[in-house]
């Protein structure tokens, strides 16, 4: 019976989370403002377009960043991962989109 009493509150919490999750959450970055905005726009577009296929999503992000800012860019996208990488200073972005999709973008 107690679980039934908690359901409406859990639903309200989930609705609040999904409302908040509409905006990208930057977990870590050292990019310049201009580069970060370009990278975030690219990531948002790719995740919205290829949300069911992370391989296509990462390929789109990598190719776009390689063209705009020179190669080699690397991308990891998905629901559950951690990282320990070497990267060029001022070339790292780690964001969450839609609340559950993480995108890690860096240049070596």
PDB file of N, CA and C in Angstrom:
ATOM      1  N   UNK A   1       0.813  -1.185   0.000  1.00  0.00           N
ATOM      2  CA  UNK A   1       0.000   0.000   0.000  1.00  0.00           C
ATOM      3  C   UNK A   1       0.864   1.259   0.000  1.00  0.00           C
ATOM      4  N   UNK A   2       1.978   1.214   0.712  1.00  0.00           N
ATOM      5  CA  UNK A   2       2.857   2.383   0.779  1.00  0.00           C
ATOM      6  C   UNK A   2       3.452   2.696  -0.595  1.00  0.00           C
ATOM      7  N   UNK A   3       3.740   1.666  -1.375  1.00  0.00           N
ATOM      8  CA  UNK A   3       4.302   1.879  -2.714  1.00  0.00           C
ATOM      9  C   UNK A   3       3.316   2.615  -3.612  1.00  0.00           C
ATOM     10  N   UNK A   4       2.029   2.307  -3.470  1.00  0.00           N
ATOM     11  CA  UNK A   4       1.022   2.994  -4.266  1.00  0.00           C
ATOM     12  C   UNK A   4       0.935   4.467  -3.899  1.00  0.00           C
ATOM     13  N   UNK A   5       1.150   4.771  -2.643  1.00  0.00           N
ATOM     14  CA  UNK A   5       1.090   6.163  -2.204  1.00  0.00           C
ATOM     15  C   UNK A   5       2.270   6.963  -2.765  1.00  0.00           C
ATOM     16  N   UNK A   6       3.376   6.305  -3.065  1.00  0.00           N
ATOM     17  CA  UNK A   6       4.566   6.995  -3.557  1.00  0.00           C
ATOM     18  C   UNK A   6       4.559   7.190  -5.065  1.00  0.00           C
ATOM     19  N   UNK A   7       3.761   6.441  -5.787  1.00  0.00           N
ATOM     20  CA  UNK A   7       3.769   6.538  -7.247  1.00  0.00           C
ATOM     21  C   UNK A   7       3.531   7.944  -7.777  1.00  0.00           C
ATOM     22  N   UNK A   8       2.514   8.665  -7.329  1.00  0.00           N
ATOM     23  CA  UNK A   8       2.311  10.014  -7.876  1.00  0.00           C
ATOM     24  C   UNK A   8       3.516  10.920  -7.650  1.00  0.00           C
ATOM     25  N   UNK A   9       4.170  10.805  -6.511  1.00  0.00           N
ATOM     26  CA  UNK A   9       5.354  11.616  -6.242  1.00  0.00           C
ATOM     27  C   UNK A   9       6.496  11.219  -7.176  1.00  0.00           C
ATOM     28  N   UNK A  10       6.675   9.913  -7.401  1.00  0.00           N
ATOM     29  CA  UNK A  10       7.705   9.443  -8.323  1.00  0.00           C
ATOM     30  C   UNK A  10       7.438   9.942  -9.737  1.00  0.00           C
ATOM     31  N   UNK A  11       6.177   9.941 -10.131  1.00  0.00           N
ATOM     32  CA  UNK A  11       5.810  10.428 -11.462  1.00  0.00           C
ATOM     33  C   UNK A  11       6.104  11.918 -11.567  1.00  0.00           C
ATOM     34  N   UNK A  12       5.796  12.677 -10.531  1.00  0.00           N
ATOM     35  CA  UNK A  12       6.096  14.112 -10.525  1.00  0.00           C
ATOM     36  C   UNK A  12       7.602  14.347 -10.612  1.00  0.00           C
ATOM     37  N   UNK A  13       8.376  13.530  -9.869  1.00  0.00           N
ATOM     38  CA  UNK A  13       9.830  13.654  -9.926  1.00  0.00           C
ATOM     39  C   UNK A  13      10.346  13.359 -11.328  1.00  0.00           C
ATOM     40  N   UNK A  14       9.813  12.331 -11.970  1.00  0.00           N
ATOM     41  CA  UNK A  14      10.241  11.973 -13.319  1.00  0.00           C
ATOM     42  C   UNK A  14       9.864  13.066 -14.309  1.00  0.00           C
ATOM     43  N   UNK A  15       8.668  13.627 -14.170  1.00  0.00           N
ATOM     44  CA  UNK A  15       8.252  14.718 -15.053  1.00  0.00           C
ATOM     45  C   UNK A  15       9.166  15.925 -14.887  1.00  0.00           C
ATOM     46  N   UNK A  16       9.529  16.235 -13.648  1.00  0.00           N
ATOM     47  CA  UNK A  16      10.438  17.357 -13.390  1.00  0.00           C
ATOM     48  C   UNK A  16      11.815  17.073 -13.987  1.00  0.00           C
ATOM     49  N   UNK A  17      12.278  15.828 -13.850  1.00  0.00           N
ATOM     50  CA  UNK A  17      13.572  15.450 -14.415  1.00  0.00           C
ATOM     51  C   UNK A  17      13.564  15.574 -15.931  1.00  0.00           C
ATOM     52  N   UNK A  18      12.530  15.061 -16.583  1.00  0.00           N
ATOM     53  CA  UNK A  18      12.458  15.120 -18.040  1.00  0.00           C
ATOM     54  C   UNK A  18      12.330  16.558 -18.533  1.00  0.00           C
ATOM     55  N   UNK A  19      11.650  17.395 -17.774  1.00  0.00           N
ATOM     56  CA  UNK A  19      11.536  18.809 -18.138  1.00  0.00           C
ATOM     57  C   UNK A  19      12.909  19.474 -18.067  1.00  0.00           C
ATOM     58  N   UNK A  20      13.653  19.170 -17.009  1.00  0.00           N
ATOM     59  CA  UNK A  20      14.985  19.721 -16.852  1.00  0.00           C
ATOM     60  C   UNK A  20      15.942  19.148 -17.899  1.00  0.00           C
ATOM     61  N   UNK A  21      15.758  17.896 -18.267  1.00  0.00           N
ATOM     62  CA  UNK A  21      16.675  17.199 -19.163  1.00  0.00           C
ATOM     63  C   UNK A  21      16.563  17.656 -20.610  1.00  0.00           C
ATOM     64  N   UNK A  22      15.638  18.549 -20.920  1.00  0.00           N
ATOM     65  CA  UNK A  22      15.527  19.057 -22.282  1.00  0.00           C
ATOM     66  C   UNK A  22      16.726  19.919 -22.651  1.00  0.00           C
ATOM     67  N   UNK A  23      17.428  20.407 -21.654  1.00  0.00           N
ATOM     68  CA  UNK A  23      18.583  21.263 -21.883  1.00  0.00           C
ATOM     69  C   UNK A  23      19.859  20.456 -21.695  1.00  0.00           C
ATOM     70  N   UNK A  24      20.889  20.726 -22.494  1.00  0.00           N
ATOM     71  CA  UNK A  24      22.149  19.999 -22.334  1.00  0.00           C
ATOM     72  C   UNK A  24      22.794  20.317 -20.984  1.00  0.00           C
ATOM     73  N   UNK A  25      23.335  19.300 -20.363  1.00  0.00           N
ATOM     74  CA  UNK A  25      24.033  19.456 -19.093  1.00  0.00           C
ATOM     75  C   UNK A  25      25.521  19.269 -19.351  1.00  0.00           C
ATOM     76  N   UNK A  26      26.293  20.319 -19.193  1.00  0.00           N
ATOM     77  CA  UNK A  26      27.738  20.249 -19.402  1.00  0.00           C
ATOM     78  C   UNK A  26      28.365  19.731 -18.114  1.00  0.00           C
ATOM     79  N   UNK A  27      28.941  18.530 -18.178  1.00  0.00           N
ATOM     80  CA  UNK A  27      29.601  17.945 -17.015  1.00  0.00           C
ATOM     81  C   UNK A  27      31.021  18.473 -16.880  1.00  0.00           C
ATOM     82  N   UNK A  28      31.728  18.601 -18.000  1.00  0.00           N
ATOM     83  CA  UNK A  28      33.099  19.114 -17.965  1.00  0.00           C
ATOM     84  C   UNK A  28      33.474  19.628 -19.349  1.00  0.00           C
ATOM     85  N   UNK A  29      34.162  20.742 -19.372  1.00  0.00           N
ATOM     86  CA  UNK A  29      34.700  21.254 -20.626  1.00  0.00           C
ATOM     87  C   UNK A  29      35.848  22.196 -20.329  1.00  0.00           C
ATOM     88  N   UNK A  30      36.768  22.290 -21.257  1.00  0.00           N
ATOM     89  CA  UNK A  30      37.804  23.318 -21.183  1.00  0.00           C
ATOM     90  C   UNK A  30      37.890  24.064 -22.516  1.00  0.00           C
ATOM     91  N   UNK A  31      36.866  23.888 -23.359  1.00  0.00           N
ATOM     92  CA  UNK A  31      36.811  24.545 -24.669  1.00  0.00           C
ATOM     93  C   UNK A  31      36.527  26.036 -24.510  1.00  0.00           C
ATOM     94  N   UNK A  32      36.916  26.791 -25.532  1.00  0.00           N
ATOM     95  CA  UNK A  32      36.528  28.192 -25.579  1.00  0.00           C
ATOM     96  C   UNK A  32      35.014  28.257 -25.772  1.00  0.00           C
ATOM     97  N   UNK A  33      34.436  29.381 -25.451  1.00  0.00           N
ATOM     98  CA  UNK A  33      32.981  29.529 -25.558  1.00  0.00           C
ATOM     99  C   UNK A  33      32.495  29.286 -26.979  1.00  0.00           C
ATOM    100  N   UNK A  34      33.194  29.842 -27.950  1.00  0.00           N
ATOM    101  CA  UNK A  34      32.787  29.687 -29.352  1.00  0.00           C
ATOM    102  C   UNK A  34      32.840  28.224 -29.791  1.00  0.00           C
ATOM    103  N   UNK A  35      33.936  27.540 -29.471  1.00  0.00           N
ATOM    104  CA  UNK A  35      34.078  26.133 -29.852  1.00  0.00           C
ATOM    105  C   UNK A  35      33.054  25.275 -29.117  1.00  0.00           C
ATOM    106  N   UNK A  36      32.836  25.568 -27.837  1.00  0.00           N
ATOM    107  CA  UNK A  36      31.874  24.793 -27.049  1.00  0.00           C
ATOM    108  C   UNK A  36      30.470  24.911 -27.637  1.00  0.00           C
ATOM    109  N   UNK A  37      30.070  26.110 -28.021  1.00  0.00           N
ATOM    110  CA  UNK A  37      28.739  26.297 -28.603  1.00  0.00           C
ATOM    111  C   UNK A  37      28.593  25.540 -29.918  1.00  0.00           C
ATOM    112  N   UNK A  38      29.624  25.590 -30.766  1.00  0.00           N
ATOM    113  CA  UNK A  38      29.598  24.830 -32.029  1.00  0.00           C
ATOM    114  C   UNK A  38      29.514  23.332 -31.750  1.00  0.00           C
ATOM    115  N   UNK A  39      30.337  22.857 -30.813  1.00  0.00           N
ATOM    116  CA  UNK A  39      30.363  21.430 -30.490  1.00  0.00           C
ATOM    117  C   UNK A  39      29.031  20.974 -29.896  1.00  0.00           C
ATOM    118  N   UNK A  40      28.458  21.777 -29.012  1.00  0.00           N
ATOM    119  CA  UNK A  40      27.172  21.416 -28.409  1.00  0.00           C
ATOM    120  C   UNK A  40      26.069  21.378 -29.453  1.00  0.00           C
ATOM    121  N   UNK A  41      26.042  22.351 -30.350  1.00  0.00           N
ATOM    122  CA  UNK A  41      25.043  22.341 -31.426  1.00  0.00           C
ATOM    123  C   UNK A  41      25.182  21.092 -32.285  1.00  0.00           C
ATOM    124  N   UNK A  42      26.425  20.729 -32.596  1.00  0.00           N
ATOM    125  CA  UNK A  42      26.686  19.527 -33.393  1.00  0.00           C
ATOM    126  C   UNK A  42      26.208  18.279 -32.657  1.00  0.00           C
ATOM    127  N   UNK A  43      26.519  18.179 -31.371  1.00  0.00           N
ATOM    128  CA  UNK A  43      26.114  17.015 -30.574  1.00  0.00           C
ATOM    129  C   UNK A  43      24.598  16.920 -30.454  1.00  0.00           C
ATOM    130  N   UNK A  44      23.946  18.039 -30.206  1.00  0.00           N
ATOM    131  CA  UNK A  44      22.483  18.049 -30.080  1.00  0.00           C
ATOM    132  C   UNK A  44      21.834  17.591 -31.380  1.00  0.00           C
ATOM    133  N   UNK A  45      22.307  18.131 -32.493  1.00  0.00           N
ATOM    134  CA  UNK A  45      21.757  17.753 -33.799  1.00  0.00           C
ATOM    135  C   UNK A  45      21.948  16.263 -34.061  1.00  0.00           C
ATOM    136  N   UNK A  46      23.148  15.759 -33.785  1.00  0.00           N
ATOM    137  CA  UNK A  46      23.444  14.348 -34.042  1.00  0.00           C
ATOM    138  C   UNK A  46      22.609  13.422 -33.169  1.00  0.00           C
ATOM    139  N   UNK A  47      22.471  13.741 -31.893  1.00  0.00           N
ATOM    140  CA  UNK A  47      21.697  12.885 -30.989  1.00  0.00           C
ATOM    141  C   UNK A  47      20.214  12.916 -31.357  1.00  0.00           C
ATOM    142  N   UNK A  48      19.699  14.087 -31.716  1.00  0.00           N
ATOM    143  CA  UNK A  48      18.292  14.165 -32.127  1.00  0.00           C
ATOM    144  C   UNK A  48      18.045  13.396 -33.418  1.00  0.00           C
ATOM    145  N   UNK A  49      18.985  13.477 -34.344  1.00  0.00           N
ATOM    146  CA  UNK A  49      18.816  12.831 -35.647  1.00  0.00           C
ATOM    147  C   UNK A  49      19.022  11.317 -35.573  1.00  0.00           C
ATOM    148  N   UNK A  50      19.986  10.872 -34.771  1.00  0.00           N
ATOM    149  CA  UNK A  50      20.357   9.449 -34.728  1.00  0.00           C
ATOM    150  C   UNK A  50      20.249   8.878 -33.314  1.00  0.00           C
ATOM    151  N   UNK A  51      19.219   9.235 -32.563  1.00  0.00           N
ATOM    152  CA  UNK A  51      19.118   8.792 -31.173  1.00  0.00           C
ATOM    153  C   UNK A  51      19.055   7.274 -31.025  1.00  0.00           C
ATOM    154  N   UNK A  52      18.620   6.565 -32.041  1.00  0.00           N
ATOM    155  CA  UNK A  52      18.516   5.103 -31.962  1.00  0.00           C
ATOM    156  C   UNK A  52      19.794   4.403 -32.420  1.00  0.00           C
ATOM    157  N   UNK A  53      20.706   5.125 -33.058  1.00  0.00           N
ATOM    158  CA  UNK A  53      21.931   4.522 -33.588  1.00  0.00           C
ATOM    159  C   UNK A  53      23.128   5.379 -33.176  1.00  0.00           C
ATOM    160  N   UNK A  54      23.756   5.009 -32.051  1.00  0.00           N
ATOM    161  CA  UNK A  54      24.864   5.802 -31.519  1.00  0.00           C
ATOM    162  C   UNK A  54      26.089   5.790 -32.437  1.00  0.00           C
ATOM    163  N   UNK A  55      26.253   4.743 -33.236  1.00  0.00           N
ATOM    164  CA  UNK A  55      27.386   4.700 -34.157  1.00  0.00           C
ATOM    165  C   UNK A  55      27.265   5.811 -35.207  1.00  0.00           C
ATOM    166  N   UNK A  56      26.088   5.968 -35.780  1.00  0.00           N
ATOM    167  CA  UNK A  56      25.865   7.052 -36.749  1.00  0.00           C
ATOM    168  C   UNK A  56      25.984   8.416 -36.073  1.00  0.00           C
ATOM    169  N   UNK A  57      25.503   8.492 -34.859  1.00  0.00           N
ATOM    170  CA  UNK A  57      25.569   9.733 -34.093  1.00  0.00           C
ATOM    171  C   UNK A  57      27.025  10.160 -33.890  1.00  0.00           C
ATOM    172  N   UNK A  58      27.856   9.247 -33.416  1.00  0.00           N
ATOM    173  CA  UNK A  58      29.260   9.588 -33.175  1.00  0.00           C
ATOM    174  C   UNK A  58      29.993   9.884 -34.476  1.00  0.00           C
ATOM    175  N   UNK A  59      29.670   9.167 -35.526  1.00  0.00           N
ATOM    176  CA  UNK A  59      30.295   9.411 -36.827  1.00  0.00           C
ATOM    177  C   UNK A  59      29.966  10.820 -37.328  1.00  0.00           C
ATOM    178  N   UNK A  60      28.712  11.232 -37.178  1.00  0.00           N
ATOM    179  CA  UNK A  60      28.306  12.574 -37.609  1.00  0.00           C
ATOM    180  C   UNK A  60      29.047  13.654 -36.813  1.00  0.00           C
ATOM    181  N   UNK A  61      29.147  13.466 -35.494  1.00  0.00           N
ATOM    182  CA  UNK A  61      29.844  14.442 -34.654  1.00  0.00           C
ATOM    183  C   UNK A  61      31.315  14.524 -35.044  1.00  0.00           C
ATOM    184  N   UNK A  62      31.966  13.373 -35.184  1.00  0.00           N
ATOM    185  CA  UNK A  62      33.388  13.345 -35.530  1.00  0.00           C
ATOM    186  C   UNK A  62      33.652  14.022 -36.868  1.00  0.00           C
ATOM    187  N   UNK A  63      32.892  13.665 -37.885  1.00  0.00           N
ATOM    188  CA  UNK A  63      33.114  14.238 -39.216  1.00  0.00           C
ATOM    189  C   UNK A  63      32.899  15.752 -39.220  1.00  0.00           C
ATOM    190  N   UNK A  64      31.876  16.210 -38.513  1.00  0.00           N
ATOM    191  CA  UNK A  64      31.605  17.649 -38.450  1.00  0.00           C
ATOM    192  C   UNK A  64      32.729  18.385 -37.727  1.00  0.00           C
ATOM    193  N   UNK A  65      33.176  17.844 -36.595  1.00  0.00           N
ATOM    194  CA  UNK A  65      34.246  18.496 -35.833  1.00  0.00           C
ATOM    195  C   UNK A  65      35.571  18.457 -36.585  1.00  0.00           C
ATOM    196  N   UNK A  66      35.853  17.356 -37.289  1.00  0.00           N
ATOM    197  CA  UNK A  66      37.074  17.274 -38.101  1.00  0.00           C
ATOM    198  C   UNK A  66      37.088  18.364 -39.167  1.00  0.00           C
ATOM    199  N   UNK A  67      35.948  18.611 -39.804  1.00  0.00           N
ATOM    200  CA  UNK A  67      35.865  19.636 -40.850  1.00  0.00           C
ATOM    201  C   UNK A  67      35.993  21.041 -40.273  1.00  0.00           C
ATOM    202  N   UNK A  68      35.324  21.295 -39.151  1.00  0.00           N
ATOM    203  CA  UNK A  68      35.298  22.649 -38.585  1.00  0.00           C
ATOM    204  C   UNK A  68      36.575  23.025 -37.846  1.00  0.00           C
ATOM    205  N   UNK A  69      37.164  22.063 -37.122  1.00  0.00           N
ATOM    206  CA  UNK A  69      38.275  22.385 -36.230  1.00  0.00           C
ATOM    207  C   UNK A  69      39.530  21.549 -36.476  1.00  0.00           C
ATOM    208  N   UNK A  70      39.581  20.828 -37.586  1.00  0.00           N
ATOM    209  CA  UNK A  70      40.755  20.013 -37.899  1.00  0.00           C
ATOM    210  C   UNK A  70      40.742  18.681 -37.169  1.00  0.00           C
ATOM    211  N   UNK A  71      41.345  17.685 -37.804  1.00  0.00           N
ATOM    212  CA  UNK A  71      41.364  16.325 -37.253  1.00  0.00           C
ATOM    213  C   UNK A  71      42.516  16.192 -36.252  1.00  0.00           C
ATOM    214  N   UNK A  72      42.550  15.175 -35.439  1.00  0.00           N
ATOM    215  CA  UNK A  72      41.601  14.075 -35.244  1.00  0.00           C
ATOM    216  C   UNK A  72      40.753  14.268 -33.987  1.00  0.00           C
ATOM    217  N   UNK A  73      39.451  14.273 -34.133  1.00  0.00           N
ATOM    218  CA  UNK A  73      38.516  14.315 -33.017  1.00  0.00           C
ATOM    219  C   UNK A  73      38.049  12.897 -32.715  1.00  0.00           C
ATOM    220  N   UNK A  74      37.720  12.650 -31.455  1.00  0.00           N
ATOM    221  CA  UNK A  74      37.236  11.343 -31.009  1.00  0.00           C
ATOM    222  C   UNK A  74      35.930  11.557 -30.249  1.00  0.00           C
ATOM    223  N   UNK A  75      35.007  10.611 -30.382  1.00  0.00           N
ATOM    224  CA  UNK A  75      33.681  10.752 -29.774  1.00  0.00           C
ATOM    225  C   UNK A  75      33.245   9.426 -29.158  1.00  0.00           C
ATOM    226  N   UNK A  76      32.674   9.517 -27.966  1.00  0.00           N
ATOM    227  CA  UNK A  76      32.004   8.384 -27.328  1.00  0.00           C
ATOM    228  C   UNK A  76      30.616   8.882 -26.946  1.00  0.00           C
ATOM    229  N   UNK A  77      29.591   8.113 -27.270  1.00  0.00           N
ATOM    230  CA  UNK A  77      28.225   8.495 -26.911  1.00  0.00           C
ATOM    231  C   UNK A  77      27.470   7.265 -26.439  1.00  0.00           C
ATOM    232  N   UNK A  78      26.635   7.448 -25.439  1.00  0.00           N
ATOM    233  CA  UNK A  78      25.843   6.336 -24.942  1.00  0.00           C
ATOM    234  C   UNK A  78      25.287   6.624 -23.567  1.00  0.00           C
ATOM    235  N   UNK A  79      24.752   5.574 -22.970  1.00  0.00           N
ATOM    236  CA  UNK A  79      24.095   5.732 -21.689  1.00  0.00           C
ATOM    237  C   UNK A  79      24.999   5.556 -20.489  1.00  0.00           C
ATOM    238  N   UNK A  80      25.939   4.620 -20.552  1.00  0.00           N
ATOM    239  CA  UNK A  80      26.736   4.294 -19.381  1.00  0.00           C
ATOM    240  C   UNK A  80      28.187   4.095 -19.785  1.00  0.00           C
ATOM    241  N   UNK A  81      29.042   5.021 -19.394  1.00  0.00           N
ATOM    242  CA  UNK A  81      30.471   4.865 -19.611  1.00  0.00           C
ATOM    243  C   UNK A  81      31.227   5.816 -18.695  1.00  0.00           C
ATOM    244  N   UNK A  82      32.485   5.520 -18.489  1.00  0.00           N
ATOM    245  CA  UNK A  82      33.372   6.439 -17.782  1.00  0.00           C
ATOM    246  C   UNK A  82      34.579   6.658 -18.682  1.00  0.00           C
ATOM    247  N   UNK A  83      35.453   7.569 -18.310  1.00  0.00           N
ATOM    248  CA  UNK A  83      36.584   7.841 -19.185  1.00  0.00           C
ATOM    249  C   UNK A  83      37.826   8.231 -18.400  1.00  0.00           C
ATOM    250  N   UNK A  84      38.954   7.944 -19.001  1.00  0.00           N
ATOM    251  CA  UNK A  84      40.272   8.359 -18.527  1.00  0.00           C
ATOM    252  C   UNK A  84      41.108   8.502 -19.786  1.00  0.00           C
ATOM    253  N   UNK A  85      41.243   9.715 -20.288  1.00  0.00           N
ATOM    254  CA  UNK A  85      41.831   9.940 -21.604  1.00  0.00           C
ATOM    255  C   UNK A  85      42.936  10.988 -21.552  1.00  0.00           C
ATOM    256  N   UNK A  86      43.731  11.015 -22.613  1.00  0.00           N
ATOM    257  CA  UNK A  86      44.700  12.075 -22.855  1.00  0.00           C
ATOM    258  C   UNK A  86      44.136  12.924 -23.981  1.00  0.00           C
ATOM    259  N   UNK A  87      44.187  14.246 -23.819  1.00  0.00           N
ATOM    260  CA  UNK A  87      43.600  15.123 -24.830  1.00  0.00           C
ATOM    261  C   UNK A  87      44.380  16.426 -24.903  1.00  0.00           C
ATOM    262  N   UNK A  88      44.217  17.136 -26.020  1.00  0.00           N
ATOM    263  CA  UNK A  88      44.798  18.465 -26.171  1.00  0.00           C
ATOM    264  C   UNK A  88      44.044  19.433 -25.271  1.00  0.00           C
ATOM    265  N   UNK A  89      44.771  20.313 -24.614  1.00  0.00           N
ATOM    266  CA  UNK A  89      44.122  21.338 -23.791  1.00  0.00           C
ATOM    267  C   UNK A  89      43.186  22.176 -24.645  1.00  0.00           C
ATOM    268  N   UNK A  90      42.096  22.588 -24.058  1.00  0.00           N
ATOM    269  CA  UNK A  90      41.069  23.413 -24.711  1.00  0.00           C
ATOM    270  C   UNK A  90      40.297  22.657 -25.785  1.00  0.00           C
ATOM    271  N   UNK A  91      40.264  21.315 -25.699  1.00  0.00           N
ATOM    272  CA  UNK A  91      39.584  20.503 -26.713  1.00  0.00           C
ATOM    273  C   UNK A  91      38.817  19.331 -26.108  1.00  0.00           C
ATOM    274  N   UNK A  92      38.143  19.547 -24.981  1.00  0.00           N
ATOM    275  CA  UNK A  92      37.387  18.481 -24.325  1.00  0.00           C
ATOM    276  C   UNK A  92      35.985  18.977 -23.992  1.00  0.00           C
ATOM    277  N   UNK A  93      34.993  18.133 -24.274  1.00  0.00           N
ATOM    278  CA  UNK A  93      33.605  18.424 -23.914  1.00  0.00           C
ATOM    279  C   UNK A  93      32.941  17.125 -23.469  1.00  0.00           C
ATOM    280  N   UNK A  94      32.312  17.161 -22.296  1.00  0.00           N
ATOM    281  CA  UNK A  94      31.560  16.019 -21.777  1.00  0.00           C
ATOM    282  C   UNK A  94      30.188  16.546 -21.365  1.00  0.00           C
ATOM    283  N   UNK A  95      29.146  16.143 -22.099  1.00  0.00           N
ATOM    284  CA  UNK A  95      27.796  16.641 -21.842  1.00  0.00           C
ATOM    285  C   UNK A  95      26.795  15.493 -21.780  1.00  0.00           C
ATOM    286  N   UNK A  96      25.653  15.795 -21.171  1.00  0.00           N
ATOM    287  CA  UNK A  96      24.510  14.886 -21.185  1.00  0.00           C
ATOM    288  C   UNK A  96      23.373  15.564 -21.929  1.00  0.00           C
ATOM    289  N   UNK A  97      22.730  14.811 -22.804  1.00  0.00           N
ATOM    290  CA  UNK A  97      21.603  15.299 -23.592  1.00  0.00           C
ATOM    291  C   UNK A  97      20.400  14.411 -23.318  1.00  0.00           C
ATOM    292  N   UNK A  98      19.245  15.000 -23.143  1.00  0.00           N
ATOM    293  CA  UNK A  98      18.037  14.219 -22.892  1.00  0.00           C
ATOM    294  C   UNK A  98      18.055  13.510 -21.559  1.00  0.00           C
ATOM    295  N   UNK A  99      18.967  13.887 -20.688  1.00  0.00           N
ATOM    296  CA  UNK A  99      19.037  13.314 -19.353  1.00  0.00           C
ATOM    297  C   UNK A  99      19.823  12.035 -19.233  1.00  0.00           C
ATOM    298  N   UNK A 100      19.878  11.220 -20.284  1.00  0.00           N
ATOM    299  CA  UNK A 100      20.519   9.910 -20.153  1.00  0.00           C
ATOM    300  C   UNK A 100      21.593   9.621 -21.191  1.00  0.00           C
ATOM    301  N   UNK A 101      21.736  10.445 -22.207  1.00  0.00           N
ATOM    302  CA  UNK A 101      22.725  10.192 -23.255  1.00  0.00           C
ATOM    303  C   UNK A 101      23.946  11.074 -23.022  1.00  0.00           C
ATOM    304  N   UNK A 102      25.051  10.437 -22.705  1.00  0.00           N
ATOM    305  CA  UNK A 102      26.296  11.162 -22.510  1.00  0.00           C
ATOM    306  C   UNK A 102      27.076  11.231 -23.811  1.00  0.00           C
ATOM    307  N   UNK A 103      27.735  12.369 -24.039  1.00  0.00           N
ATOM    308  CA  UNK A 103      28.603  12.532 -25.205  1.00  0.00           C
ATOM    309  C   UNK A 103      29.935  13.077 -24.712  1.00  0.00           C
ATOM    310  N   UNK A 104      30.992  12.346 -25.015  1.00  0.00           N
ATOM    311  CA  UNK A 104      32.352  12.763 -24.699  1.00  0.00           C
ATOM    312  C   UNK A 104      33.054  13.049 -26.014  1.00  0.00           C
ATOM    313  N   UNK A 105      33.584  14.250 -26.139  1.00  0.00           N
ATOM    314  CA  UNK A 105      34.209  14.705 -27.378  1.00  0.00           C
ATOM    315  C   UNK A 105      35.564  15.291 -27.026  1.00  0.00           C
ATOM    316  N   UNK A 106      36.623  14.802 -27.683  1.00  0.00           N
ATOM    317  CA  UNK A 106      37.950  15.325 -27.402  1.00  0.00           C
ATOM    318  C   UNK A 106      38.842  15.220 -28.627  1.00  0.00           C
ATOM    319  N   UNK A 107      39.911  16.012 -28.600  1.00  0.00           N
ATOM    320  CA  UNK A 107      40.878  16.013 -29.696  1.00  0.00           C
ATOM    321  C   UNK A 107      42.228  15.602 -29.141  1.00  0.00           C
ATOM    322  N   UNK A 108      42.936  14.763 -29.920  1.00  0.00           N
ATOM    323  CA  UNK A 108      44.287  14.341 -29.524  1.00  0.00           C
ATOM    324  C   UNK A 108      45.312  14.991 -30.410  1.00  0.00           C
TER     325      UNK A 108
END
